[in-house]
């Protein structure tokens, strides 16, 4: 067991960071971590909405698929060998991260639609300015 960890630490710097926490803390219950992530996102959405600072749509859209995938996890776990080990199925992770990935992509598209034409316009102006001063 110890030699496997040492071998994995020698593979790359990334494995060192990944294994260091497991060496000191030990195995973490996946369902507790997933549920705490859901609670943090939900609390953040409620706090932002209650404070009236802005819209809580993004934290809500992040927490909604986490809730749906966590509710569907027993169905996914019974269909696979995960049922005996009380772990979270890979389908739960896939469903839980589909909507946040889509939301982030849609936000990025909005930013790109504004800044790409702006940069293109600025580059054409600067090229003309460089030609004038030559």
N, C-alpha and C. Protein backbone atom coordinates (compact mmCIF):
# COMPACT_ATOMS: atom_id res chain seq x y z
N UNK A 1 0.82 -1.19 0.00
CA UNK A 1 0.00 0.00 0.00
C UNK A 1 0.88 1.26 0.00
N UNK A 2 1.88 1.28 0.87
CA UNK A 2 2.74 2.45 0.95
C UNK A 2 3.56 2.61 -0.33
N UNK A 3 4.04 1.50 -0.89
CA UNK A 3 4.85 1.58 -2.09
C UNK A 3 4.04 2.01 -3.30
N UNK A 4 2.73 1.63 -3.33
CA UNK A 4 1.87 2.10 -4.42
C UNK A 4 1.71 3.61 -4.36
N UNK A 5 1.55 4.14 -3.18
CA UNK A 5 1.43 5.59 -3.04
C UNK A 5 2.73 6.29 -3.43
N UNK A 6 3.86 5.74 -3.03
CA UNK A 6 5.14 6.34 -3.41
C UNK A 6 5.34 6.30 -4.92
N UNK A 7 4.97 5.21 -5.54
CA UNK A 7 5.10 5.10 -6.99
C UNK A 7 4.21 6.14 -7.68
N UNK A 8 3.00 6.30 -7.20
CA UNK A 8 2.09 7.28 -7.81
C UNK A 8 2.58 8.71 -7.60
N UNK A 9 3.24 8.96 -6.48
CA UNK A 9 3.75 10.31 -6.24
C UNK A 9 4.90 10.64 -7.18
N UNK A 10 5.63 9.65 -7.61
CA UNK A 10 6.75 9.89 -8.50
C UNK A 10 6.32 10.10 -9.95
N UNK A 11 5.09 9.74 -10.27
CA UNK A 11 4.65 9.83 -11.67
C UNK A 11 4.59 11.28 -12.13
N UNK A 12 3.94 12.14 -11.37
CA UNK A 12 3.85 13.54 -11.78
C UNK A 12 3.58 14.42 -10.57
N UNK A 13 3.66 15.72 -10.78
CA UNK A 13 3.38 16.66 -9.71
C UNK A 13 1.89 16.68 -9.37
N UNK A 14 1.05 16.40 -10.36
CA UNK A 14 -0.39 16.43 -10.12
C UNK A 14 -0.81 15.30 -9.19
N UNK A 15 -0.21 14.15 -9.34
CA UNK A 15 -0.58 13.04 -8.47
C UNK A 15 -0.12 13.31 -7.04
N UNK A 16 0.94 14.08 -6.87
CA UNK A 16 1.39 14.41 -5.52
C UNK A 16 0.32 15.20 -4.79
N UNK A 17 -0.24 16.20 -5.47
CA UNK A 17 -1.30 16.99 -4.83
C UNK A 17 -2.55 16.20 -4.58
N UNK A 18 -2.88 15.28 -5.48
CA UNK A 18 -4.09 14.48 -5.33
C UNK A 18 -3.94 13.46 -4.21
N UNK A 19 -2.76 12.89 -4.06
CA UNK A 19 -2.58 11.86 -3.06
C UNK A 19 -2.21 12.41 -1.68
N UNK A 20 -1.72 13.61 -1.63
CA UNK A 20 -1.31 14.16 -0.35
C UNK A 20 -2.49 14.30 0.61
N UNK A 21 -3.63 14.76 0.09
CA UNK A 21 -4.80 14.90 0.96
C UNK A 21 -5.31 13.54 1.41
N UNK A 22 -5.25 12.53 0.55
CA UNK A 22 -5.71 11.20 0.94
C UNK A 22 -4.77 10.55 1.95
N UNK A 23 -3.52 10.92 1.91
CA UNK A 23 -2.57 10.34 2.85
C UNK A 23 -2.84 10.82 4.27
N UNK A 24 -3.17 12.10 4.43
CA UNK A 24 -3.40 12.64 5.77
C UNK A 24 -4.84 12.45 6.24
N UNK A 25 -5.81 12.60 5.35
CA UNK A 25 -7.21 12.56 5.75
C UNK A 25 -7.77 11.15 5.66
N UNK A 26 -7.41 10.42 4.65
CA UNK A 26 -7.99 9.10 4.43
C UNK A 26 -9.12 9.18 3.42
N UNK A 27 -9.87 8.10 3.30
CA UNK A 27 -10.95 8.07 2.33
C UNK A 27 -12.12 8.91 2.81
N UNK A 28 -12.67 9.69 1.92
CA UNK A 28 -13.79 10.58 2.24
C UNK A 28 -15.06 9.99 1.65
N UNK A 29 -16.14 10.07 2.39
CA UNK A 29 -17.42 9.54 1.94
C UNK A 29 -17.93 10.42 0.81
N UNK A 30 -18.06 9.83 -0.39
CA UNK A 30 -18.41 10.60 -1.59
C UNK A 30 -19.78 11.25 -1.48
N UNK A 31 -20.73 10.53 -0.93
CA UNK A 31 -22.08 11.07 -0.86
C UNK A 31 -22.15 12.27 0.07
N UNK A 32 -21.36 12.28 1.12
CA UNK A 32 -21.32 13.44 2.03
C UNK A 32 -20.74 14.67 1.32
N UNK A 33 -19.69 14.46 0.54
CA UNK A 33 -19.08 15.57 -0.20
C UNK A 33 -20.04 16.12 -1.24
N UNK A 34 -20.72 15.23 -1.95
CA UNK A 34 -21.67 15.66 -2.99
C UNK A 34 -22.86 16.40 -2.36
N UNK A 35 -23.35 15.89 -1.22
CA UNK A 35 -24.45 16.56 -0.54
C UNK A 35 -24.03 17.91 0.02
N UNK A 36 -22.82 18.01 0.54
CA UNK A 36 -22.35 19.30 1.05
C UNK A 36 -22.17 20.31 -0.07
N UNK A 37 -21.75 19.85 -1.25
CA UNK A 37 -21.66 20.74 -2.40
C UNK A 37 -23.03 21.27 -2.78
N UNK A 38 -24.03 20.40 -2.74
CA UNK A 38 -25.40 20.83 -3.01
C UNK A 38 -25.87 21.84 -1.97
N UNK A 39 -25.58 21.61 -0.71
CA UNK A 39 -26.00 22.54 0.34
C UNK A 39 -25.30 23.89 0.22
N UNK A 40 -24.03 23.89 -0.12
CA UNK A 40 -23.30 25.16 -0.29
C UNK A 40 -23.86 25.97 -1.44
N UNK A 41 -24.12 25.32 -2.57
CA UNK A 41 -24.69 26.03 -3.72
C UNK A 41 -26.08 26.56 -3.42
N UNK A 42 -26.90 25.76 -2.76
CA UNK A 42 -28.26 26.19 -2.42
C UNK A 42 -28.24 27.34 -1.42
N UNK A 43 -27.39 27.24 -0.41
CA UNK A 43 -27.31 28.33 0.57
C UNK A 43 -26.81 29.61 -0.06
N UNK A 44 -25.83 29.50 -0.96
CA UNK A 44 -25.33 30.69 -1.65
C UNK A 44 -26.42 31.35 -2.49
N UNK A 45 -27.24 30.54 -3.17
CA UNK A 45 -28.33 31.08 -3.97
C UNK A 45 -29.37 31.77 -3.10
N UNK A 46 -29.70 31.17 -1.97
CA UNK A 46 -30.69 31.78 -1.06
C UNK A 46 -30.12 33.05 -0.44
N UNK A 47 -28.85 33.04 -0.06
CA UNK A 47 -28.24 34.22 0.57
C UNK A 47 -28.17 35.39 -0.40
N UNK A 48 -27.80 35.14 -1.64
CA UNK A 48 -27.72 36.21 -2.64
C UNK A 48 -29.11 36.78 -2.91
N UNK A 49 -30.10 35.90 -3.03
CA UNK A 49 -31.46 36.36 -3.30
C UNK A 49 -32.03 37.11 -2.11
N UNK A 50 -31.77 36.66 -0.89
CA UNK A 50 -32.30 37.33 0.29
C UNK A 50 -31.62 38.67 0.53
N UNK A 51 -30.35 38.77 0.21
CA UNK A 51 -29.63 40.03 0.40
C UNK A 51 -30.03 41.07 -0.63
N UNK A 52 -30.61 40.63 -1.73
CA UNK A 52 -31.02 41.58 -2.77
C UNK A 52 -29.84 42.17 -3.52
N UNK A 53 -28.71 41.49 -3.49
CA UNK A 53 -27.52 41.98 -4.15
C UNK A 53 -27.63 41.83 -5.66
N UNK A 54 -28.19 40.73 -6.10
CA UNK A 54 -28.32 40.47 -7.52
C UNK A 54 -29.16 39.23 -7.73
N UNK A 55 -29.05 38.69 -8.90
CA UNK A 55 -29.82 37.51 -9.23
C UNK A 55 -29.09 36.25 -8.76
N UNK A 56 -29.85 35.32 -8.25
CA UNK A 56 -29.28 34.05 -7.81
C UNK A 56 -29.51 32.96 -8.83
N UNK A 57 -29.64 33.34 -10.09
CA UNK A 57 -29.94 32.35 -11.13
C UNK A 57 -28.79 31.39 -11.34
N UNK A 58 -27.56 31.88 -11.38
CA UNK A 58 -26.42 30.98 -11.64
C UNK A 58 -26.18 29.98 -10.51
N UNK A 59 -26.18 30.39 -9.23
CA UNK A 59 -26.05 29.36 -8.19
C UNK A 59 -27.23 28.39 -8.17
N UNK A 60 -28.43 28.88 -8.50
CA UNK A 60 -29.58 27.99 -8.55
C UNK A 60 -29.44 26.99 -9.70
N UNK A 61 -28.99 27.48 -10.87
CA UNK A 61 -28.81 26.58 -12.01
C UNK A 61 -27.66 25.60 -11.78
N UNK A 62 -26.76 25.92 -10.87
CA UNK A 62 -25.70 24.98 -10.52
C UNK A 62 -26.20 23.95 -9.52
N UNK A 63 -27.08 24.37 -8.59
CA UNK A 63 -27.57 23.46 -7.56
C UNK A 63 -28.70 22.56 -8.04
N UNK A 64 -29.47 23.00 -9.02
CA UNK A 64 -30.62 22.22 -9.48
C UNK A 64 -30.22 20.85 -10.05
N UNK A 65 -29.26 20.75 -10.96
CA UNK A 65 -28.90 19.41 -11.44
C UNK A 65 -28.20 18.56 -10.38
N UNK A 66 -27.53 19.20 -9.41
CA UNK A 66 -26.95 18.43 -8.32
C UNK A 66 -28.05 17.75 -7.51
N UNK A 67 -29.13 18.48 -7.27
CA UNK A 67 -30.26 17.91 -6.53
C UNK A 67 -30.92 16.78 -7.32
N UNK A 68 -31.13 17.01 -8.61
CA UNK A 68 -31.77 15.99 -9.45
C UNK A 68 -30.91 14.74 -9.54
N UNK A 69 -29.61 14.92 -9.73
CA UNK A 69 -28.74 13.75 -9.85
C UNK A 69 -28.58 13.02 -8.53
N UNK A 70 -28.59 13.76 -7.42
CA UNK A 70 -28.50 13.10 -6.11
C UNK A 70 -29.79 12.34 -5.81
N UNK A 71 -30.93 12.87 -6.27
CA UNK A 71 -32.20 12.15 -6.08
C UNK A 71 -32.26 10.90 -6.95
N UNK A 72 -31.63 10.93 -8.12
CA UNK A 72 -31.64 9.77 -9.01
C UNK A 72 -30.50 8.79 -8.74
N UNK A 73 -29.60 9.10 -7.83
CA UNK A 73 -28.46 8.25 -7.56
C UNK A 73 -28.85 6.84 -7.11
N UNK A 74 -29.86 6.64 -6.28
CA UNK A 74 -30.22 5.25 -5.92
C UNK A 74 -30.63 4.41 -7.13
N UNK A 75 -31.28 5.03 -8.12
CA UNK A 75 -31.66 4.28 -9.33
C UNK A 75 -30.42 3.90 -10.13
N UNK A 76 -29.46 4.83 -10.22
CA UNK A 76 -28.23 4.52 -10.94
C UNK A 76 -27.39 3.50 -10.18
N UNK A 77 -27.38 3.61 -8.86
CA UNK A 77 -26.56 2.72 -8.06
C UNK A 77 -27.10 1.30 -8.06
N UNK A 78 -28.41 1.15 -8.14
CA UNK A 78 -28.97 -0.21 -8.15
C UNK A 78 -28.73 -0.89 -9.49
N UNK A 79 -28.52 -0.11 -10.55
CA UNK A 79 -28.27 -0.70 -11.86
C UNK A 79 -26.82 -1.13 -12.04
N UNK A 80 -25.96 -0.71 -11.16
CA UNK A 80 -24.55 -1.06 -11.30
C UNK A 80 -24.03 -1.71 -10.02
N UNK A 81 -22.74 -1.91 -9.96
CA UNK A 81 -22.14 -2.54 -8.78
C UNK A 81 -21.90 -1.54 -7.65
N UNK A 82 -22.34 -0.30 -7.84
CA UNK A 82 -22.12 0.74 -6.84
C UNK A 82 -23.06 0.55 -5.66
N UNK A 83 -24.11 -0.23 -5.83
CA UNK A 83 -25.13 -0.37 -4.80
C UNK A 83 -24.57 -0.94 -3.50
N UNK A 84 -23.59 -1.78 -3.60
CA UNK A 84 -23.05 -2.38 -2.39
C UNK A 84 -22.09 -1.46 -1.65
N UNK A 85 -21.50 -0.50 -2.33
CA UNK A 85 -20.46 0.30 -1.69
C UNK A 85 -20.90 1.70 -1.30
N UNK A 86 -22.14 2.06 -1.48
CA UNK A 86 -22.69 3.37 -1.08
C UNK A 86 -21.90 4.54 -1.68
N UNK A 87 -21.36 4.34 -2.85
CA UNK A 87 -20.67 5.41 -3.55
C UNK A 87 -21.60 6.02 -4.57
N UNK A 88 -21.15 7.09 -5.17
CA UNK A 88 -21.96 7.79 -6.16
C UNK A 88 -21.61 7.26 -7.54
N UNK A 89 -22.64 7.01 -8.33
CA UNK A 89 -22.45 6.49 -9.67
C UNK A 89 -21.84 7.55 -10.58
N UNK A 90 -21.17 7.12 -11.63
CA UNK A 90 -20.62 8.06 -12.60
C UNK A 90 -21.72 8.79 -13.35
N UNK A 91 -22.88 8.14 -13.53
CA UNK A 91 -24.01 8.81 -14.17
C UNK A 91 -24.49 9.99 -13.33
N UNK A 92 -24.39 9.88 -12.02
CA UNK A 92 -24.78 10.98 -11.14
C UNK A 92 -23.88 12.19 -11.37
N UNK A 93 -22.59 11.95 -11.50
CA UNK A 93 -21.67 13.05 -11.79
C UNK A 93 -21.94 13.66 -13.17
N UNK A 94 -22.22 12.81 -14.14
CA UNK A 94 -22.47 13.31 -15.50
C UNK A 94 -23.73 14.17 -15.55
N UNK A 95 -24.79 13.73 -14.92
CA UNK A 95 -26.04 14.52 -14.91
C UNK A 95 -25.87 15.77 -14.06
N UNK A 96 -25.15 15.66 -12.97
CA UNK A 96 -24.96 16.81 -12.08
C UNK A 96 -24.14 17.93 -12.68
N UNK A 97 -23.28 17.61 -13.63
CA UNK A 97 -22.43 18.65 -14.22
C UNK A 97 -22.83 19.05 -15.62
N UNK A 98 -23.89 18.48 -16.15
CA UNK A 98 -24.31 18.82 -17.51
C UNK A 98 -24.84 20.25 -17.60
N UNK A 99 -25.74 20.63 -16.72
CA UNK A 99 -26.32 21.97 -16.78
C UNK A 99 -25.31 23.07 -16.40
N UNK A 100 -24.45 22.90 -15.37
CA UNK A 100 -23.43 23.92 -15.14
C UNK A 100 -22.47 24.09 -16.31
N UNK A 101 -22.14 23.01 -16.99
CA UNK A 101 -21.28 23.10 -18.17
C UNK A 101 -21.99 23.87 -19.28
N UNK A 102 -23.26 23.59 -19.48
CA UNK A 102 -24.04 24.30 -20.49
C UNK A 102 -24.19 25.78 -20.13
N UNK A 103 -24.43 26.08 -18.86
CA UNK A 103 -24.58 27.47 -18.42
C UNK A 103 -23.28 28.25 -18.60
N UNK A 104 -22.17 27.64 -18.22
CA UNK A 104 -20.88 28.30 -18.41
C UNK A 104 -20.56 28.55 -19.87
N UNK A 105 -20.92 27.60 -20.72
CA UNK A 105 -20.70 27.78 -22.16
C UNK A 105 -21.55 28.90 -22.71
N UNK A 106 -22.80 28.98 -22.26
CA UNK A 106 -23.68 30.05 -22.73
C UNK A 106 -23.19 31.42 -22.27
N UNK A 107 -22.66 31.52 -21.06
CA UNK A 107 -22.09 32.79 -20.58
C UNK A 107 -20.85 33.16 -21.38
N UNK A 108 -20.02 32.18 -21.68
CA UNK A 108 -18.82 32.44 -22.46
C UNK A 108 -19.16 32.90 -23.87
N UNK A 109 -20.20 32.33 -24.45
CA UNK A 109 -20.61 32.74 -25.80
C UNK A 109 -21.04 34.21 -25.80
N UNK A 110 -21.75 34.64 -24.76
CA UNK A 110 -22.15 36.04 -24.67
C UNK A 110 -20.96 36.97 -24.57
N UNK A 111 -19.97 36.59 -23.80
CA UNK A 111 -18.77 37.42 -23.66
C UNK A 111 -17.99 37.46 -24.97
N UNK A 112 -17.87 36.32 -25.63
CA UNK A 112 -17.13 36.25 -26.88
C UNK A 112 -17.82 37.06 -27.98
N UNK A 113 -19.16 37.04 -27.99
CA UNK A 113 -19.89 37.82 -29.00
C UNK A 113 -19.62 39.31 -28.88
N UNK A 114 -19.33 39.78 -27.67
CA UNK A 114 -19.05 41.21 -27.48
C UNK A 114 -17.59 41.52 -27.78
N UNK A 115 -16.67 40.71 -27.25
CA UNK A 115 -15.28 41.10 -27.29
C UNK A 115 -14.55 40.73 -28.58
N UNK A 116 -14.97 39.69 -29.27
CA UNK A 116 -14.28 39.34 -30.52
C UNK A 116 -14.45 40.42 -31.58
N UNK A 117 -15.68 40.93 -31.84
CA UNK A 117 -15.78 42.03 -32.81
C UNK A 117 -15.07 43.31 -32.33
N UNK A 118 -15.08 43.55 -31.02
CA UNK A 118 -14.41 44.73 -30.48
C UNK A 118 -12.91 44.65 -30.70
N UNK A 119 -12.32 43.51 -30.42
CA UNK A 119 -10.88 43.33 -30.64
C UNK A 119 -10.56 43.40 -32.11
N UNK A 120 -11.41 42.83 -32.94
CA UNK A 120 -11.18 42.88 -34.38
C UNK A 120 -11.19 44.32 -34.87
N UNK A 121 -12.12 45.11 -34.35
CA UNK A 121 -12.20 46.52 -34.73
C UNK A 121 -10.96 47.29 -34.25
N UNK A 122 -10.55 47.02 -33.01
CA UNK A 122 -9.37 47.70 -32.47
C UNK A 122 -8.11 47.33 -33.24
N UNK A 123 -7.99 46.06 -33.62
CA UNK A 123 -6.81 45.65 -34.38
C UNK A 123 -6.76 46.34 -35.74
N UNK A 124 -7.91 46.49 -36.38
CA UNK A 124 -7.90 47.17 -37.67
C UNK A 124 -7.55 48.65 -37.51
N UNK A 125 -7.99 49.28 -36.42
CA UNK A 125 -7.64 50.69 -36.17
C UNK A 125 -6.15 50.82 -35.90
N UNK A 126 -5.59 49.92 -35.08
CA UNK A 126 -4.17 50.01 -34.76
C UNK A 126 -3.29 49.72 -35.97
N UNK A 127 -3.72 48.84 -36.85
CA UNK A 127 -2.93 48.59 -38.06
C UNK A 127 -2.89 49.83 -38.94
N UNK A 128 -4.03 50.50 -39.05
CA UNK A 128 -4.07 51.74 -39.82
C UNK A 128 -3.21 52.81 -39.17
N UNK A 129 -3.25 52.91 -37.84
CA UNK A 129 -2.44 53.90 -37.15
C UNK A 129 -0.96 53.60 -37.32
N UNK A 130 -0.57 52.34 -37.30
CA UNK A 130 0.83 52.00 -37.52
C UNK A 130 1.28 52.34 -38.93
N UNK A 131 0.39 52.16 -39.89
CA UNK A 131 0.76 52.50 -41.26
C UNK A 131 0.90 54.01 -41.45
N UNK A 132 0.08 54.78 -40.71
CA UNK A 132 0.14 56.24 -40.86
C UNK A 132 1.43 56.81 -40.29
N UNK A 133 1.96 56.21 -39.22
CA UNK A 133 3.14 56.76 -38.59
C UNK A 133 4.42 56.22 -39.17
N UNK A 134 4.37 55.31 -40.11
CA UNK A 134 5.59 54.77 -40.69
C UNK A 134 6.19 55.70 -41.68
